[in-house]
Amino acid sequence: GPDLLVAPVTHQGMRSRRVYLPAGATWTDAWTDKQLDGGQWIDADAPLDRIPLYLRDGARLPIRNP
């Protein structure tokens, strides 16, 4: 949906990638809680155990425990 931005690595061996955060919102890195302004390109870390994931400010992400 419009509140999640997922930026998977698409080439073997890559450990980071450029990601555009859409303007008009603040985005939060789901792994680090770092807030980033929209309307800019960032270099996102993408280690093997973590897909870059950003949440639009104010988004609600329901999570259920297994």
Protein backbone atom coordinates (compact mmCIF):
# COMPACT_ATOMS: atom_id res chain seq x y z
CA GLY A 1 0.00 0.00 0.00
CA PRO A 2 0.97 3.66 0.01
CA ASP A 3 2.33 3.53 3.57
CA LEU A 4 5.07 0.95 2.97
CA LEU A 5 8.12 1.24 0.78
CA VAL A 6 10.04 -2.01 0.25
CA ALA A 7 13.32 -1.77 -1.66
CA PRO A 8 14.75 -5.26 -2.23
CA VAL A 9 18.20 -5.83 -3.65
CA THR A 10 17.87 -7.07 -7.21
CA HIS A 11 21.46 -7.98 -8.10
CA GLN A 12 23.61 -10.71 -6.60
CA GLY A 13 26.30 -9.43 -4.23
CA MET A 14 24.74 -6.01 -3.60
CA ARG A 15 24.75 -4.88 0.04
CA SER A 16 23.20 -1.44 -0.49
CA ARG A 17 21.01 0.34 -3.01
CA ARG A 18 19.70 3.77 -3.93
CA VAL A 19 16.12 4.35 -2.83
CA TYR A 20 13.84 7.30 -3.59
CA LEU A 21 11.61 8.32 -0.68
CA PRO A 22 8.49 10.00 -2.12
CA ALA A 23 7.92 13.66 -1.26
CA GLY A 24 5.14 14.86 0.99
CA ALA A 25 5.92 12.59 3.93
CA THR A 26 8.49 11.65 6.51
CA TRP A 27 9.66 8.04 6.25
CA THR A 28 10.91 5.82 9.08
CA ASP A 29 13.42 3.02 8.56
CA ALA A 30 11.61 -0.03 9.98
CA TRP A 31 14.88 -1.55 11.23
CA THR A 32 16.57 1.46 12.83
CA ASP A 33 13.65 3.85 13.56
CA LYS A 34 15.64 6.61 11.83
CA GLN A 35 13.34 9.26 10.36
CA LEU A 36 14.08 10.56 6.87
CA ASP A 37 12.52 13.38 4.87
CA GLY A 38 10.72 12.42 1.69
CA GLY A 39 11.63 13.89 -1.69
CA GLN A 40 15.19 12.60 -1.68
CA TRP A 41 17.38 9.70 -2.76
CA ILE A 42 19.16 7.76 -0.03
CA ASP A 43 21.74 4.97 0.01
CA ALA A 44 20.05 2.17 1.96
CA ASP A 45 22.03 -0.59 3.66
CA ALA A 46 20.83 -4.00 2.50
CA PRO A 47 22.70 -6.78 4.29
CA LEU A 48 21.69 -10.35 3.52
CA ASP A 49 19.43 -10.62 6.57
CA ARG A 50 17.45 -7.41 6.03
CA ILE A 51 15.40 -5.94 3.17
CA PRO A 52 15.22 -2.12 3.21
CA LEU A 53 11.75 -1.24 4.51
CA TYR A 54 10.35 2.24 5.18
CA LEU A 55 7.08 3.31 6.78
CA ARG A 56 5.28 6.52 5.88
CA ASP A 57 4.89 8.76 8.95
CA GLY A 58 1.55 8.09 10.61
CA ALA A 59 1.18 4.64 9.04
CA ARG A 60 -0.17 1.82 11.12
CA LEU A 61 1.33 -1.57 10.57
CA PRO A 62 -0.60 -4.33 12.32
CA ILE A 63 1.67 -7.11 13.51
CA ARG A 64 0.46 -10.37 14.99
CA ASN A 65 2.50 -12.67 17.18
CA PRO A 66 2.54 -16.26 15.88
